[in-house]
Amino acid sequence: MSEPIDMDASKMEERKRIIAGRNKALGLVLLGLVVLFFAITIAKMGH
């Protein structure tokens, strides 16, 4: 089921590190999509 609420400090730090890494990866993906859409918009305006 779910993990106990009183997790030790090392597990909490590892969980925070994993979540932070996932957040950075998701941010980079979103930034890449913004750049892609911007590039497509500029290319369409050029024609």
PDB file of N, CA and C in Angstrom:
ATOM      1  N   MET A   1       0.832  -1.184   0.000  1.00  0.00           N
ATOM      2  CA  MET A   1       0.000   0.000   0.000  1.00  0.00           C
ATOM      3  C   MET A   1       0.879   1.251   0.000  1.00  0.00           C
ATOM      4  N   SER A   2       0.708   2.129   0.972  1.00  0.00           N
ATOM      5  CA  SER A   2       1.534   3.334   1.008  1.00  0.00           C
ATOM      6  C   SER A   2       2.656   3.159   2.022  1.00  0.00           C
ATOM      7  N   GLU A   3       3.693   3.972   1.855  1.00  0.00           N
ATOM      8  CA  GLU A   3       4.824   3.883   2.768  1.00  0.00           C
ATOM      9  C   GLU A   3       4.469   4.542   4.095  1.00  0.00           C
ATOM     10  N   PRO A   4       5.126   4.157   5.167  1.00  0.00           N
ATOM     11  CA  PRO A   4       4.843   4.805   6.458  1.00  0.00           C
ATOM     12  C   PRO A   4       5.192   6.286   6.416  1.00  0.00           C
ATOM     13  N   ILE A   5       4.497   7.043   7.218  1.00  0.00           N
ATOM     14  CA  ILE A   5       4.687   8.494   7.213  1.00  0.00           C
ATOM     15  C   ILE A   5       6.051   8.870   7.773  1.00  0.00           C
ATOM     16  N   ASP A   6       6.537   8.125   8.749  1.00  0.00           N
ATOM     17  CA  ASP A   6       7.810   8.464   9.381  1.00  0.00           C
ATOM     18  C   ASP A   6       8.994   7.825   8.641  1.00  0.00           C
ATOM     19  N   MET A   7       9.231   8.284   7.416  1.00  0.00           N
ATOM     20  CA  MET A   7      10.374   7.808   6.629  1.00  0.00           C
ATOM     21  C   MET A   7      11.636   8.422   7.205  1.00  0.00           C
ATOM     22  N   ASP A   8      12.743   7.717   7.115  1.00  0.00           N
ATOM     23  CA  ASP A   8      13.974   8.299   7.642  1.00  0.00           C
ATOM     24  C   ASP A   8      14.514   9.367   6.699  1.00  0.00           C
ATOM     25  N   ALA A   9      15.467  10.134   7.197  1.00  0.00           N
ATOM     26  CA  ALA A   9      15.957  11.316   6.473  1.00  0.00           C
ATOM     27  C   ALA A   9      16.590  10.948   5.135  1.00  0.00           C
ATOM     28  N   SER A  10      17.302   9.835   5.069  1.00  0.00           N
ATOM     29  CA  SER A  10      17.976   9.489   3.815  1.00  0.00           C
ATOM     30  C   SER A  10      16.966   9.172   2.711  1.00  0.00           C
ATOM     31  N   LYS A  11      15.877   8.496   3.066  1.00  0.00           N
ATOM     32  CA  LYS A  11      14.855   8.205   2.059  1.00  0.00           C
ATOM     33  C   LYS A  11      14.156   9.483   1.610  1.00  0.00           C
ATOM     34  N   MET A  12      13.926  10.399   2.535  1.00  0.00           N
ATOM     35  CA  MET A  12      13.279  11.662   2.186  1.00  0.00           C
ATOM     36  C   MET A  12      14.177  12.476   1.257  1.00  0.00           C
ATOM     37  N   GLU A  13      15.469  12.513   1.536  1.00  0.00           N
ATOM     38  CA  GLU A  13      16.405  13.256   0.693  1.00  0.00           C
ATOM     39  C   GLU A  13      16.483  12.640  -0.697  1.00  0.00           C
ATOM     40  N   GLU A  14      16.500  11.308  -0.756  1.00  0.00           N
ATOM     41  CA  GLU A  14      16.547  10.632  -2.054  1.00  0.00           C
ATOM     42  C   GLU A  14      15.269  10.924  -2.851  1.00  0.00           C
ATOM     43  N   ARG A  15      14.134  10.913  -2.160  1.00  0.00           N
ATOM     44  CA  ARG A  15      12.860  11.207  -2.827  1.00  0.00           C
ATOM     45  C   ARG A  15      12.843  12.645  -3.356  1.00  0.00           C
ATOM     46  N   LYS A  16      13.334  13.581  -2.560  1.00  0.00           N
ATOM     47  CA  LYS A  16      13.393  14.985  -2.995  1.00  0.00           C
ATOM     48  C   LYS A  16      14.314  15.127  -4.207  1.00  0.00           C
ATOM     49  N   ARG A  17      15.432  14.400  -4.209  1.00  0.00           N
ATOM     50  CA  ARG A  17      16.378  14.472  -5.318  1.00  0.00           C
ATOM     51  C   ARG A  17      15.752  13.909  -6.591  1.00  0.00           C
ATOM     52  N   ILE A  18      15.033  12.810  -6.470  1.00  0.00           N
ATOM     53  CA  ILE A  18      14.386  12.203  -7.635  1.00  0.00           C
ATOM     54  C   ILE A  18      13.314  13.138  -8.186  1.00  0.00           C
ATOM     55  N   ILE A  19      12.505  13.716  -7.291  1.00  0.00           N
ATOM     56  CA  ILE A  19      11.450  14.627  -7.732  1.00  0.00           C
ATOM     57  C   ILE A  19      12.051  15.861  -8.383  1.00  0.00           C
ATOM     58  N   ALA A  20      13.134  16.390  -7.815  1.00  0.00           N
ATOM     59  CA  ALA A  20      13.786  17.568  -8.403  1.00  0.00           C
ATOM     60  C   ALA A  20      14.318  17.241  -9.801  1.00  0.00           C
ATOM     61  N   GLY A  21      14.904  16.078  -9.968  1.00  0.00           N
ATOM     62  CA  GLY A  21      15.402  15.677 -11.283  1.00  0.00           C
ATOM     63  C   GLY A  21      14.292  15.535 -12.286  1.00  0.00           C
ATOM     64  N   ARG A  22      13.171  14.972 -11.844  1.00  0.00           N
ATOM     65  CA  ARG A  22      12.016  14.824 -12.731  1.00  0.00           C
ATOM     66  C   ARG A  22      11.461  16.188 -13.123  1.00  0.00           C
ATOM     67  N   ASN A  23      11.425  17.106 -12.167  1.00  0.00           N
ATOM     68  CA  ASN A  23      10.928  18.452 -12.453  1.00  0.00           C
ATOM     69  C   ASN A  23      11.830  19.172 -13.460  1.00  0.00           C
ATOM     70  N   LYS A  24      13.139  18.999 -13.319  1.00  0.00           N
ATOM     71  CA  LYS A  24      14.071  19.631 -14.268  1.00  0.00           C
ATOM     72  C   LYS A  24      13.894  19.051 -15.666  1.00  0.00           C
ATOM     73  N   ALA A  25      13.727  17.737 -15.751  1.00  0.00           N
ATOM     74  CA  ALA A  25      13.539  17.096 -17.054  1.00  0.00           C
ATOM     75  C   ALA A  25      12.235  17.576 -17.699  1.00  0.00           C
ATOM     76  N   LEU A  26      11.168  17.658 -16.914  1.00  0.00           N
ATOM     77  CA  LEU A  26       9.890  18.122 -17.449  1.00  0.00           C
ATOM     78  C   LEU A  26       9.996  19.577 -17.901  1.00  0.00           C
ATOM     79  N   GLY A  27      10.706  20.387 -17.142  1.00  0.00           N
ATOM     80  CA  GLY A  27      10.913  21.783 -17.523  1.00  0.00           C
ATOM     81  C   GLY A  27      11.664  21.908 -18.834  1.00  0.00           C
ATOM     82  N   LEU A  28      12.672  21.072 -19.025  1.00  0.00           N
ATOM     83  CA  LEU A  28      13.430  21.107 -20.275  1.00  0.00           C
ATOM     84  C   LEU A  28      12.566  20.678 -21.457  1.00  0.00           C
ATOM     85  N   VAL A  29      11.712  19.684 -21.259  1.00  0.00           N
ATOM     86  CA  VAL A  29      10.807  19.252 -22.325  1.00  0.00           C
ATOM     87  C   VAL A  29       9.858  20.383 -22.695  1.00  0.00           C
ATOM     88  N   LEU A  30       9.287  21.044 -21.687  1.00  0.00           N
ATOM     89  CA  LEU A  30       8.372  22.151 -21.962  1.00  0.00           C
ATOM     90  C   LEU A  30       9.085  23.294 -22.671  1.00  0.00           C
ATOM     91  N   LEU A  31      10.298  23.600 -22.246  1.00  0.00           N
ATOM     92  CA  LEU A  31      11.076  24.652 -22.893  1.00  0.00           C
ATOM     93  C   LEU A  31      11.360  24.286 -24.357  1.00  0.00           C
ATOM     94  N   GLY A  32      11.686  23.018 -24.599  1.00  0.00           N
ATOM     95  CA  GLY A  32      11.931  22.557 -25.966  1.00  0.00           C
ATOM     96  C   GLY A  32      10.697  22.709 -26.841  1.00  0.00           C
ATOM     97  N   LEU A  33       9.523  22.405 -26.286  1.00  0.00           N
ATOM     98  CA  LEU A  33       8.287  22.570 -27.055  1.00  0.00           C
ATOM     99  C   LEU A  33       8.017  24.037 -27.373  1.00  0.00           C
ATOM    100  N   VAL A  34       8.274  24.914 -26.418  1.00  0.00           N
ATOM    101  CA  VAL A  34       8.087  26.345 -26.657  1.00  0.00           C
ATOM    102  C   VAL A  34       8.995  26.813 -27.786  1.00  0.00           C
ATOM    103  N   VAL A  35      10.266  26.404 -27.744  1.00  0.00           N
ATOM    104  CA  VAL A  35      11.213  26.790 -28.790  1.00  0.00           C
ATOM    105  C   VAL A  35      10.779  26.219 -30.134  1.00  0.00           C
ATOM    106  N   LEU A  36      10.318  24.980 -30.144  1.00  0.00           N
ATOM    107  CA  LEU A  36       9.861  24.352 -31.383  1.00  0.00           C
ATOM    108  C   LEU A  36       8.675  25.106 -31.980  1.00  0.00           C
ATOM    109  N   PHE A  37       7.672  25.408 -31.159  1.00  0.00           N
ATOM    110  CA  PHE A  37       6.510  26.140 -31.661  1.00  0.00           C
ATOM    111  C   PHE A  37       6.905  27.531 -32.150  1.00  0.00           C
ATOM    112  N   PHE A  38       7.815  28.179 -31.435  1.00  0.00           N
ATOM    113  CA  PHE A  38       8.284  29.497 -31.856  1.00  0.00           C
ATOM    114  C   PHE A  38       8.976  29.410 -33.215  1.00  0.00           C
ATOM    115  N   ALA A  39       9.831  28.407 -33.393  1.00  0.00           N
ATOM    116  CA  ALA A  39      10.543  28.231 -34.661  1.00  0.00           C
ATOM    117  C   ALA A  39       9.576  27.940 -35.797  1.00  0.00           C
ATOM    118  N   ILE A  40       8.554  27.122 -35.539  1.00  0.00           N
ATOM    119  CA  ILE A  40       7.567  26.830 -36.581  1.00  0.00           C
ATOM    120  C   ILE A  40       6.789  28.088 -36.952  1.00  0.00           C
ATOM    121  N   THR A  41       6.428  28.890 -35.960  1.00  0.00           N
ATOM    122  CA  THR A  41       5.696  30.125 -36.221  1.00  0.00           C
ATOM    123  C   THR A  41       6.532  31.075 -37.062  1.00  0.00           C
ATOM    124  N   ILE A  42       7.802  31.247 -36.732  1.00  0.00           N
ATOM    125  CA  ILE A  42       8.695  32.123 -37.490  1.00  0.00           C
ATOM    126  C   ILE A  42       8.847  31.601 -38.919  1.00  0.00           C
ATOM    127  N   ALA A  43       8.989  30.281 -39.075  1.00  0.00           N
ATOM    128  CA  ALA A  43       9.150  29.706 -40.412  1.00  0.00           C
ATOM    129  C   ALA A  43       7.891  29.927 -41.255  1.00  0.00           C
ATOM    130  N   LYS A  44       6.707  29.800 -40.664  1.00  0.00           N
ATOM    131  CA  LYS A  44       5.472  30.014 -41.420  1.00  0.00           C
ATOM    132  C   LYS A  44       5.299  31.481 -41.803  1.00  0.00           C
ATOM    133  N   MET A  45       5.735  32.381 -40.953  1.00  0.00           N
ATOM    134  CA  MET A  45       5.614  33.807 -41.266  1.00  0.00           C
ATOM    135  C   MET A  45       6.543  34.200 -42.400  1.00  0.00           C
ATOM    136  N   GLY A  46       7.625  33.456 -42.594  1.00  0.00           N
ATOM    137  CA  GLY A  46       8.588  33.758 -43.634  1.00  0.00           C
ATOM    138  C   GLY A  46       8.066  33.489 -45.036  1.00  0.00           C
ATOM    139  N   HIS A  47       7.048  32.676 -45.175  1.00  0.00           N
ATOM    140  CA  HIS A  47       6.517  32.328 -46.510  1.00  0.00           C
ATOM    141  C   HIS A  47       5.459  33.258 -46.949  1.00  0.00           C
TER     142      HIS A  47
END
